[in-house]
Amino acid sequence: MPIVRTLKNQQPAMGIKEVSVLCLQYRSFQFFWSVALLILLSPSLAEAQRDRVGTASISGLVLDQETDDPVIGVEMSVDGTSALSITNDQGEFRFEEILSGSLVLRSRRLGYQERTDSLSVPEGALIDVTVRLSTDPVELEELVVEVRSRLLEQRGFYERQRTGYGGVFIDRETIEDRNPNVLTDLFRTMSGLRVVYGGLFGPKVFVNQNITFSDGGLGCEPSLMLDGVRSTMRSYDFIDPVEVEGLEVYAGGGAPGGFSDPCGTIAIWTRIQVRRR
């Protein structure tokens, strides 16, 4: 009888030991997969962190200061980063997704004086630079920098501006320089446009086309394209100038295909998605 009691007492002890081992194995399994998941997600977390900081793109051209010829094989780098680009046969280079802010651009090639330039890169911008290198230790020309909007580049704004459709192009920098109180302030000084104040919905914009002021006509009302979509918005002043990244004004039917209208077209590109009316 004592032997029977001893066996009964041992069974629970073995069960507790087995459960403890199973719990330890389960926790080890959890820890292993937690570490594995963290390793897999590390690139995504880094990407998300980069997006929060803000990025920009830099492209440019390297020229010989004396001959103005493109310089091939120049090592372009950004101090403090792993970014590296080598100029091609046309002397061109490009950096994608560079962290915005203040940075130092370094240019190096055998046979030329090394050059460093400080840049202030706005978030989301496309920076075009022209770098000149010299074989002699002479004073170099200043870096030529052109800042473009990534949004306007994607919308074809600069391409239409270069092609020349006879339109008026206003970018964000120009808007900030003019500091309009309302959007129609930008149209008041444009040749061929007339801003008429009053009415239920505020000022309206007309194109002086095939009509004169002497016969009492207001002109022809142009179409409004808001972020590439035709809009029936009653007044341009419903849009805050702060929200506008750029605009294009075509006073006649010579606008590019998507914007063509006999009475002209005003295309507005917003920085913030605007509720269309």
C-alpha atoms as a PDB file:
ATOM      1  CA  MET A   1       0.000   0.000   0.000  1.00  0.00           C
ATOM      2  CA  PRO A   2       2.738   2.564   0.681  1.00  0.00           C
ATOM      3  CA  ILE A   3       4.188   1.741  -2.729  1.00  0.00           C
ATOM      4  CA  VAL A   4       0.903   2.556  -4.387  1.00  0.00           C
ATOM      5  CA  ARG A   5       0.741   5.942  -2.640  1.00  0.00           C
ATOM      6  CA  THR A   6       4.287   6.746  -3.730  1.00  0.00           C
ATOM      7  CA  LEU A   7       3.469   6.104  -7.388  1.00  0.00           C
ATOM      8  CA  LYS A   8       0.414   8.312  -7.193  1.00  0.00           C
ATOM      9  CA  ASN A   9       2.450  11.160  -5.724  1.00  0.00           C
ATOM     10  CA  GLN A  10       5.066  10.946  -8.503  1.00  0.00           C
ATOM     11  CA  GLN A  11       2.614  11.255 -11.399  1.00  0.00           C
ATOM     12  CA  PRO A  12       1.618  14.894 -10.776  1.00  0.00           C
ATOM     13  CA  ALA A  13       5.293  15.843 -10.362  1.00  0.00           C
ATOM     14  CA  MET A  14       6.145  14.390 -13.786  1.00  0.00           C
ATOM     15  CA  GLY A  15       3.158  16.177 -15.330  1.00  0.00           C
ATOM     16  CA  ILE A  16       4.309  19.545 -13.959  1.00  0.00           C
ATOM     17  CA  LYS A  17       7.810  18.974 -15.315  1.00  0.00           C
ATOM     18  CA  GLU A  18       6.477  18.119 -18.774  1.00  0.00           C
ATOM     19  CA  VAL A  19       4.248  21.215 -18.824  1.00  0.00           C
ATOM     20  CA  SER A  20       7.194  23.423 -17.793  1.00  0.00           C
ATOM     21  CA  VAL A  21       9.323  22.053 -20.625  1.00  0.00           C
ATOM     22  CA  LEU A  22       6.519  22.632 -23.127  1.00  0.00           C
ATOM     23  CA  CYS A  23       6.048  26.237 -21.931  1.00  0.00           C
ATOM     24  CA  LEU A  24       9.780  26.883 -22.269  1.00  0.00           C
ATOM     25  CA  GLN A  25       9.800  25.437 -25.784  1.00  0.00           C
ATOM     26  CA  TYR A  26       6.769  27.563 -26.761  1.00  0.00           C
ATOM     27  CA  ARG A  27       8.392  30.741 -25.443  1.00  0.00           C
ATOM     28  CA  SER A  28      11.612  29.948 -27.324  1.00  0.00           C
ATOM     29  CA  PHE A  29       9.553  29.409 -30.480  1.00  0.00           C
ATOM     30  CA  GLN A  30       7.800  32.773 -29.943  1.00  0.00           C
ATOM     31  CA  PHE A  31      11.113  34.562 -29.404  1.00  0.00           C
ATOM     32  CA  PHE A  32      12.641  33.022 -32.551  1.00  0.00           C
ATOM     33  CA  TRP A  33       9.792  34.141 -34.797  1.00  0.00           C
ATOM     34  CA  SER A  34       9.632  37.597 -33.184  1.00  0.00           C
ATOM     35  CA  VAL A  35      13.311  38.155 -34.001  1.00  0.00           C
ATOM     36  CA  ALA A  36      12.851  36.790 -37.534  1.00  0.00           C
ATOM     37  CA  LEU A  37       9.863  39.068 -38.137  1.00  0.00           C
ATOM     38  CA  LEU A  38      11.792  42.096 -36.867  1.00  0.00           C
ATOM     39  CA  ILE A  39      14.670  41.331 -39.269  1.00  0.00           C
ATOM     40  CA  LEU A  40      12.274  40.990 -42.193  1.00  0.00           C
ATOM     41  CA  LEU A  41      10.536  44.260 -41.371  1.00  0.00           C
ATOM     42  CA  SER A  42      13.732  46.270 -40.837  1.00  0.00           C
ATOM     43  CA  PRO A  43      13.954  47.531 -44.473  1.00  0.00           C
ATOM     44  CA  SER A  44      10.304  48.555 -44.369  1.00  0.00           C
ATOM     45  CA  LEU A  45      10.792  50.370 -41.075  1.00  0.00           C
ATOM     46  CA  ALA A  46      13.816  52.157 -42.492  1.00  0.00           C
ATOM     47  CA  GLU A  47      11.837  53.117 -45.572  1.00  0.00           C
ATOM     48  CA  ALA A  48       8.995  54.459 -43.437  1.00  0.00           C
ATOM     49  CA  GLN A  49      11.466  56.463 -41.351  1.00  0.00           C
ATOM     50  CA  ARG A  50      12.979  57.919 -44.533  1.00  0.00           C
ATOM     51  CA  ASP A  51       9.543  58.904 -45.788  1.00  0.00           C
ATOM     52  CA  ARG A  52       8.820  60.708 -42.522  1.00  0.00           C
ATOM     53  CA  VAL A  53      12.027  62.712 -42.835  1.00  0.00           C
ATOM     54  CA  GLY A  54      11.306  63.648 -46.467  1.00  0.00           C
ATOM     55  CA  THR A  55      13.260  63.032 -49.632  1.00  0.00           C
ATOM     56  CA  ALA A  56      14.209  64.799 -52.845  1.00  0.00           C
ATOM     57  CA  SER A  57      15.970  64.034 -56.136  1.00  0.00           C
ATOM     58  CA  ILE A  58      19.116  65.655 -57.534  1.00  0.00           C
ATOM     59  CA  SER A  59      20.174  65.560 -61.170  1.00  0.00           C
ATOM     60  CA  GLY A  60      22.888  67.531 -62.853  1.00  0.00           C
ATOM     61  CA  LEU A  61      25.561  68.142 -65.433  1.00  0.00           C
ATOM     62  CA  VAL A  62      29.334  68.373 -64.949  1.00  0.00           C
ATOM     63  CA  LEU A  63      31.242  70.584 -67.404  1.00  0.00           C
ATOM     64  CA  ASP A  64      34.877  71.504 -67.943  1.00  0.00           C
ATOM     65  CA  GLN A  65      35.230  75.129 -66.864  1.00  0.00           C
ATOM     66  CA  GLU A  66      37.606  76.024 -69.713  1.00  0.00           C
ATOM     67  CA  THR A  67      35.996  74.170 -72.644  1.00  0.00           C
ATOM     68  CA  ASP A  68      32.361  73.756 -71.542  1.00  0.00           C
ATOM     69  CA  ASP A  69      32.611  70.102 -72.601  1.00  0.00           C
ATOM     70  CA  PRO A  70      30.877  67.446 -70.477  1.00  0.00           C
ATOM     71  CA  VAL A  71      33.225  65.636 -68.091  1.00  0.00           C
ATOM     72  CA  ILE A  72      32.857  61.853 -68.091  1.00  0.00           C
ATOM     73  CA  GLY A  73      33.557  59.597 -65.106  1.00  0.00           C
ATOM     74  CA  VAL A  74      33.236  62.183 -62.350  1.00  0.00           C
ATOM     75  CA  GLU A  75      32.506  60.608 -58.975  1.00  0.00           C
ATOM     76  CA  MET A  76      29.587  62.504 -57.439  1.00  0.00           C
ATOM     77  CA  SER A  77      28.753  61.841 -53.795  1.00  0.00           C
ATOM     78  CA  VAL A  78      26.826  63.319 -50.892  1.00  0.00           C
ATOM     79  CA  ASP A  79      28.819  63.654 -47.669  1.00  0.00           C
ATOM     80  CA  GLY A  80      27.536  61.584 -44.771  1.00  0.00           C
ATOM     81  CA  THR A  81      25.599  59.183 -47.020  1.00  0.00           C
ATOM     82  CA  SER A  82      26.326  56.179 -49.233  1.00  0.00           C
ATOM     83  CA  ALA A  83      24.909  57.994 -52.282  1.00  0.00           C
ATOM     84  CA  LEU A  84      27.245  57.729 -55.277  1.00  0.00           C
ATOM     85  CA  SER A  85      26.783  58.517 -58.971  1.00  0.00           C
ATOM     86  CA  ILE A  86      29.277  58.513 -61.877  1.00  0.00           C
ATOM     87  CA  THR A  87      28.746  60.953 -64.740  1.00  0.00           C
ATOM     88  CA  ASN A  88      27.884  59.358 -68.101  1.00  0.00           C
ATOM     89  CA  ASP A  89      29.049  60.225 -71.636  1.00  0.00           C
ATOM     90  CA  GLN A  90      26.999  63.430 -71.509  1.00  0.00           C
ATOM     91  CA  GLY A  91      28.428  64.422 -68.128  1.00  0.00           C
ATOM     92  CA  GLU A  92      25.091  63.714 -66.425  1.00  0.00           C
ATOM     93  CA  PHE A  93      24.452  62.273 -62.978  1.00  0.00           C
ATOM     94  CA  ARG A  94      21.417  61.653 -60.782  1.00  0.00           C
ATOM     95  CA  PHE A  95      20.526  60.852 -57.169  1.00  0.00           C
ATOM     96  CA  GLU A  96      17.108  59.467 -56.261  1.00  0.00           C
ATOM     97  CA  GLU A  97      15.467  59.660 -52.818  1.00  0.00           C
ATOM     98  CA  ILE A  98      18.129  61.778 -51.120  1.00  0.00           C
ATOM     99  CA  LEU A  99      17.160  62.973 -47.636  1.00  0.00           C
ATOM    100  CA  SER A 100      16.073  66.595 -47.851  1.00  0.00           C
ATOM    101  CA  GLY A 101      17.721  69.402 -45.891  1.00  0.00           C
ATOM    102  CA  SER A 102      21.258  70.804 -45.916  1.00  0.00           C
ATOM    103  CA  LEU A 103      23.858  68.623 -47.635  1.00  0.00           C
ATOM    104  CA  VAL A 104      27.318  68.758 -49.202  1.00  0.00           C
ATOM    105  CA  LEU A 105      27.756  67.638 -52.818  1.00  0.00           C
ATOM    106  CA  ARG A 106      31.284  66.406 -53.623  1.00  0.00           C
ATOM    107  CA  SER A 107      32.758  66.155 -57.163  1.00  0.00           C
ATOM    108  CA  ARG A 108      35.975  64.174 -57.795  1.00  0.00           C
ATOM    109  CA  ARG A 109      37.846  63.069 -60.893  1.00  0.00           C
ATOM    110  CA  LEU A 110      41.485  62.324 -61.606  1.00  0.00           C
ATOM    111  CA  GLY A 111      43.078  65.311 -63.346  1.00  0.00           C
ATOM    112  CA  TYR A 112      40.590  67.848 -61.935  1.00  0.00           C
ATOM    113  CA  GLN A 113      40.452  69.843 -58.732  1.00  0.00           C
ATOM    114  CA  GLU A 114      38.093  68.283 -56.193  1.00  0.00           C
ATOM    115  CA  ARG A 115      35.035  70.417 -55.512  1.00  0.00           C
ATOM    116  CA  THR A 116      32.485  70.600 -52.675  1.00  0.00           C
ATOM    117  CA  ASP A 117      29.246  72.582 -52.711  1.00  0.00           C
ATOM    118  CA  SER A 118      26.659  73.153 -49.991  1.00  0.00           C
ATOM    119  CA  LEU A 119      23.029  72.735 -50.998  1.00  0.00           C
ATOM    120  CA  SER A 120      19.721  73.348 -49.262  1.00  0.00           C
ATOM    121  CA  VAL A 121      17.294  70.760 -50.629  1.00  0.00           C
ATOM    122  CA  PRO A 122      13.548  71.250 -50.012  1.00  0.00           C
ATOM    123  CA  GLU A 123      11.454  68.189 -49.295  1.00  0.00           C
ATOM    124  CA  GLY A 124       9.879  66.660 -52.405  1.00  0.00           C
ATOM    125  CA  ALA A 125      11.859  68.866 -54.805  1.00  0.00           C
ATOM    126  CA  LEU A 126      13.719  68.016 -57.983  1.00  0.00           C
ATOM    127  CA  ILE A 127      17.076  69.803 -57.972  1.00  0.00           C
ATOM    128  CA  ASP A 128      18.954  70.486 -61.221  1.00  0.00           C
ATOM    129  CA  VAL A 129      22.594  71.534 -60.783  1.00  0.00           C
ATOM    130  CA  THR A 130      25.395  72.480 -63.163  1.00  0.00           C
ATOM    131  CA  VAL A 131      28.893  71.809 -61.805  1.00  0.00           C
ATOM    132  CA  ARG A 132      32.071  73.146 -63.434  1.00  0.00           C
ATOM    133  CA  LEU A 133      35.465  71.547 -62.796  1.00  0.00           C
ATOM    134  CA  SER A 134      38.923  72.892 -63.543  1.00  0.00           C
ATOM    135  CA  THR A 135      42.272  71.191 -64.029  1.00  0.00           C
ATOM    136  CA  ASP A 136      44.017  74.132 -62.333  1.00  0.00           C
ATOM    137  CA  PRO A 137      43.564  75.496 -58.785  1.00  0.00           C
ATOM    138  CA  VAL A 138      41.595  78.539 -59.932  1.00  0.00           C
ATOM    139  CA  GLU A 139      38.463  80.134 -58.540  1.00  0.00           C
ATOM    140  CA  LEU A 140      35.516  78.088 -59.808  1.00  0.00           C
ATOM    141  CA  GLU A 141      32.208  79.470 -60.952  1.00  0.00           C
ATOM    142  CA  GLU A 142      29.360  79.147 -58.477  1.00  0.00           C
ATOM    143  CA  LEU A 143      27.117  76.115 -58.639  1.00  0.00           C
ATOM    144  CA  VAL A 144      24.039  76.751 -60.788  1.00  0.00           C
ATOM    145  CA  VAL A 145      20.969  75.362 -59.028  1.00  0.00           C
ATOM    146  CA  GLU A 146      17.409  75.104 -60.308  1.00  0.00           C
ATOM    147  CA  VAL A 147      14.700  73.809 -57.981  1.00  0.00           C
ATOM    148  CA  ARG A 148      11.712  72.128 -59.573  1.00  0.00           C
ATOM    149  CA  SER A 149       8.546  70.727 -58.044  1.00  0.00           C
ATOM    150  CA  ARG A 150       8.281  66.943 -58.136  1.00  0.00           C
ATOM    151  CA  LEU A 151       4.493  67.254 -58.376  1.00  0.00           C
ATOM    152  CA  LEU A 152       4.631  69.628 -61.369  1.00  0.00           C
ATOM    153  CA  GLU A 153       7.242  67.440 -63.043  1.00  0.00           C
ATOM    154  CA  GLN A 154       4.925  64.436 -62.739  1.00  0.00           C
ATOM    155  CA  ARG A 155       2.005  66.437 -64.153  1.00  0.00           C
ATOM    156  CA  GLY A 156       3.970  67.459 -67.265  1.00  0.00           C
ATOM    157  CA  PHE A 157       4.038  71.153 -66.288  1.00  0.00           C
ATOM    158  CA  TYR A 158       7.719  71.719 -67.159  1.00  0.00           C
ATOM    159  CA  GLU A 159       7.513  69.702 -70.373  1.00  0.00           C
ATOM    160  CA  ARG A 160       4.636  71.860 -71.633  1.00  0.00           C
ATOM    161  CA  GLN A 161       6.543  74.956 -70.549  1.00  0.00           C
ATOM    162  CA  ARG A 162       9.625  73.849 -72.524  1.00  0.00           C
ATOM    163  CA  THR A 163       7.567  72.866 -75.578  1.00  0.00           C
ATOM    164  CA  GLY A 164       5.919  76.274 -75.706  1.00  0.00           C
ATOM    165  CA  TYR A 165       2.168  76.192 -76.228  1.00  0.00           C
ATOM    166  CA  GLY A 166       1.799  79.946 -75.832  1.00  0.00           C
ATOM    167  CA  GLY A 167       0.562  79.660 -72.267  1.00  0.00           C
ATOM    168  CA  VAL A 168       1.520  81.489 -69.093  1.00  0.00           C
ATOM    169  CA  PHE A 169       3.131  79.255 -66.446  1.00  0.00           C
ATOM    170  CA  ILE A 170       3.269  80.197 -62.766  1.00  0.00           C
ATOM    171  CA  ASP A 171       5.032  77.943 -60.260  1.00  0.00           C
ATOM    172  CA  ARG A 172       5.005  77.885 -56.470  1.00  0.00           C
ATOM    173  CA  GLU A 173       8.018  80.199 -56.133  1.00  0.00           C
ATOM    174  CA  THR A 174       6.332  82.879 -58.272  1.00  0.00           C
ATOM    175  CA  ILE A 175       3.112  82.562 -56.282  1.00  0.00           C
ATOM    176  CA  GLU A 176       5.022  83.093 -53.031  1.00  0.00           C
ATOM    177  CA  ASP A 177       6.841  86.106 -54.508  1.00  0.00           C
ATOM    178  CA  ARG A 178       3.552  87.742 -55.531  1.00  0.00           C
ATOM    179  CA  ASN A 179       1.858  86.802 -52.234  1.00  0.00           C
ATOM    180  CA  PRO A 180      -1.763  87.045 -53.495  1.00  0.00           C
ATOM    181  CA  ASN A 181      -4.592  87.437 -50.996  1.00  0.00           C
ATOM    182  CA  VAL A 182      -6.922  85.467 -53.281  1.00  0.00           C
ATOM    183  CA  LEU A 183      -6.215  83.367 -56.355  1.00  0.00           C
ATOM    184  CA  THR A 184      -7.752  85.833 -58.834  1.00  0.00           C
ATOM    185  CA  ASP A 185      -5.103  88.390 -57.799  1.00  0.00           C
ATOM    186  CA  LEU A 186      -2.723  86.351 -59.982  1.00  0.00           C
ATOM    187  CA  PHE A 187      -4.914  86.932 -63.066  1.00  0.00           C
ATOM    188  CA  ARG A 188      -5.469  90.690 -62.749  1.00  0.00           C
ATOM    189  CA  THR A 189      -2.180  91.649 -64.416  1.00  0.00           C
ATOM    190  CA  MET A 190      -2.213  88.961 -67.123  1.00  0.00           C
ATOM    191  CA  SER A 191      -2.557  90.195 -70.677  1.00  0.00           C
ATOM    192  CA  GLY A 192      -5.694  88.875 -72.376  1.00  0.00           C
ATOM    193  CA  LEU A 193      -7.566  88.134 -69.138  1.00  0.00           C
ATOM    194  CA  ARG A 194     -10.218  90.170 -67.392  1.00  0.00           C
ATOM    195  CA  VAL A 195     -11.326  89.688 -63.778  1.00  0.00           C
ATOM    196  CA  VAL A 196     -14.917  90.778 -63.128  1.00  0.00           C
ATOM    197  CA  TYR A 197     -15.873  91.314 -59.498  1.00  0.00           C
ATOM    198  CA  GLY A 198     -19.297  90.899 -57.962  1.00  0.00           C
ATOM    199  CA  GLY A 199     -21.976  88.283 -58.255  1.00  0.00           C
ATOM    200  CA  LEU A 200     -23.153  85.563 -55.920  1.00  0.00           C
ATOM    201  CA  PHE A 201     -19.989  83.457 -56.128  1.00  0.00           C
ATOM    202  CA  GLY A 202     -17.385  86.215 -56.268  1.00  0.00           C
ATOM    203  CA  PRO A 203     -14.999  87.245 -59.095  1.00  0.00           C
ATOM    204  CA  LYS A 204     -15.062  85.584 -62.494  1.00  0.00           C
ATOM    205  CA  VAL A 205     -12.287  85.387 -65.087  1.00  0.00           C
ATOM    206  CA  PHE A 206     -12.870  86.039 -68.795  1.00  0.00           C
ATOM    207  CA  VAL A 207     -10.667  85.825 -71.887  1.00  0.00           C
ATOM    208  CA  ASN A 208     -10.766  88.846 -74.224  1.00  0.00           C
ATOM    209  CA  GLN A 209     -11.338  86.799 -77.348  1.00  0.00           C
ATOM    210  CA  ASN A 210     -13.193  87.953 -80.495  1.00  0.00           C
ATOM    211  CA  ILE A 211     -14.933  90.624 -78.474  1.00  0.00           C
ATOM    212  CA  THR A 212     -14.106  94.186 -77.437  1.00  0.00           C
ATOM    213  CA  PHE A 213     -14.834  96.107 -74.292  1.00  0.00           C
ATOM    214  CA  SER A 214     -16.567  98.804 -76.364  1.00  0.00           C
ATOM    215  CA  ASP A 215     -19.492  96.535 -77.226  1.00  0.00           C
ATOM    216  CA  GLY A 216     -20.141  95.817 -73.554  1.00  0.00           C
ATOM    217  CA  GLY A 217     -19.202  92.142 -73.659  1.00  0.00           C
ATOM    218  CA  LEU A 218     -17.358  90.513 -70.802  1.00  0.00           C
ATOM    219  CA  GLY A 219     -15.454  88.117 -73.010  1.00  0.00           C
ATOM    220  CA  CYS A 220     -15.263  84.360 -73.168  1.00  0.00           C
ATOM    221  CA  GLU A 221     -15.163  82.301 -69.956  1.00  0.00           C
ATOM    222  CA  PRO A 222     -12.305  79.747 -70.043  1.00  0.00           C
ATOM    223  CA  SER A 223     -12.526  76.167 -68.862  1.00  0.00           C
ATOM    224  CA  LEU A 224     -11.097  75.285 -65.463  1.00  0.00           C
ATOM    225  CA  MET A 225      -8.974  72.147 -65.125  1.00  0.00           C
ATOM    226  CA  LEU A 226      -8.350  71.266 -61.480  1.00  0.00           C
ATOM    227  CA  ASP A 227      -5.617  68.650 -61.019  1.00  0.00           C
ATOM    228  CA  GLY A 228      -6.203  67.490 -64.591  1.00  0.00           C
ATOM    229  CA  VAL A 229      -9.992  67.129 -64.277  1.00  0.00           C
ATOM    230  CA  ARG A 230     -12.496  69.548 -65.781  1.00  0.00           C
ATOM    231  CA  SER A 231     -14.239  71.407 -62.936  1.00  0.00           C
ATOM    232  CA  THR A 232     -17.502  73.348 -62.611  1.00  0.00           C
ATOM    233  CA  MET A 233     -16.256  75.359 -59.628  1.00  0.00           C
ATOM    234  CA  ARG A 234     -18.104  78.694 -59.570  1.00  0.00           C
ATOM    235  CA  SER A 235     -15.184  80.845 -58.436  1.00  0.00           C
ATOM    236  CA  TYR A 236     -11.400  80.494 -58.483  1.00  0.00           C
ATOM    237  CA  ASP A 237     -11.261  82.147 -55.072  1.00  0.00           C
ATOM    238  CA  PHE A 238     -12.731  79.013 -53.513  1.00  0.00           C
ATOM    239  CA  ILE A 239      -9.128  77.765 -53.737  1.00  0.00           C
ATOM    240  CA  ASP A 240      -6.638  79.171 -51.231  1.00  0.00           C
ATOM    241  CA  PRO A 241      -3.408  80.325 -52.982  1.00  0.00           C
ATOM    242  CA  VAL A 242      -1.468  78.414 -50.303  1.00  0.00           C
ATOM    243  CA  GLU A 243      -2.882  75.176 -51.751  1.00  0.00           C
ATOM    244  CA  VAL A 244      -1.655  75.868 -55.306  1.00  0.00           C
ATOM    245  CA  GLU A 245       1.617  74.354 -56.543  1.00  0.00           C
ATOM    246  CA  GLY A 246       1.336  75.834 -60.034  1.00  0.00           C
ATOM    247  CA  LEU A 247      -1.046  76.994 -62.743  1.00  0.00           C
ATOM    248  CA  GLU A 248      -1.168  77.286 -66.527  1.00  0.00           C
ATOM    249  CA  VAL A 249      -3.206  79.852 -68.474  1.00  0.00           C
ATOM    250  CA  TYR A 250      -4.047  79.415 -72.167  1.00  0.00           C
ATOM    251  CA  ALA A 251      -5.947  82.354 -73.638  1.00  0.00           C
ATOM    252  CA  GLY A 252      -7.103  80.539 -76.789  1.00  0.00           C
ATOM    253  CA  GLY A 253      -7.591  77.161 -78.387  1.00  0.00           C
ATOM    254  CA  GLY A 254      -3.866  76.525 -78.819  1.00  0.00           C
ATOM    255  CA  ALA A 255      -3.541  74.621 -75.540  1.00  0.00           C
ATOM    256  CA  PRO A 256      -2.245  71.021 -75.507  1.00  0.00           C
ATOM    257  CA  GLY A 257      -4.778  68.306 -76.322  1.00  0.00           C
ATOM    258  CA  GLY A 258      -6.217  67.619 -72.887  1.00  0.00           C
ATOM    259  CA  PHE A 259      -6.651  71.336 -72.142  1.00  0.00           C
ATOM    260  CA  SER A 260      -7.944  72.534 -75.511  1.00  0.00           C
ATOM    261  CA  ASP A 261     -10.974  74.855 -75.423  1.00  0.00           C
ATOM    262  CA  PRO A 262     -11.955  77.644 -77.871  1.00  0.00           C
ATOM    263  CA  CYS A 263     -12.403  80.038 -74.940  1.00  0.00           C
ATOM    264  CA  GLY A 264      -9.086  79.131 -73.363  1.00  0.00           C
ATOM    265  CA  THR A 265      -8.174  77.038 -70.346  1.00  0.00           C
ATOM    266  CA  ILE A 266      -6.869  77.664 -66.843  1.00  0.00           C
ATOM    267  CA  ALA A 267      -5.177  74.592 -65.332  1.00  0.00           C
ATOM    268  CA  ILE A 268      -4.554  74.597 -61.587  1.00  0.00           C
ATOM    269  CA  TRP A 269      -2.345  72.053 -59.819  1.00  0.00           C
ATOM    270  CA  THR A 270      -2.836  71.835 -56.061  1.00  0.00           C
ATOM    271  CA  ARG A 271      -0.381  70.856 -53.358  1.00  0.00           C
ATOM    272  CA  ILE A 272      -3.275  69.601 -51.225  1.00  0.00           C
ATOM    273  CA  GLN A 273      -6.066  67.537 -52.731  1.00  0.00           C
ATOM    274  CA  VAL A 274      -8.934  69.978 -53.277  1.00  0.00           C
ATOM    275  CA  ARG A 275     -12.563  68.928 -53.076  1.00  0.00           C
ATOM    276  CA  ARG A 276     -13.892  69.481 -56.590  1.00  0.00           C
ATOM    277  CA  ARG A 277     -17.105  71.425 -57.101  1.00  0.00           C
END
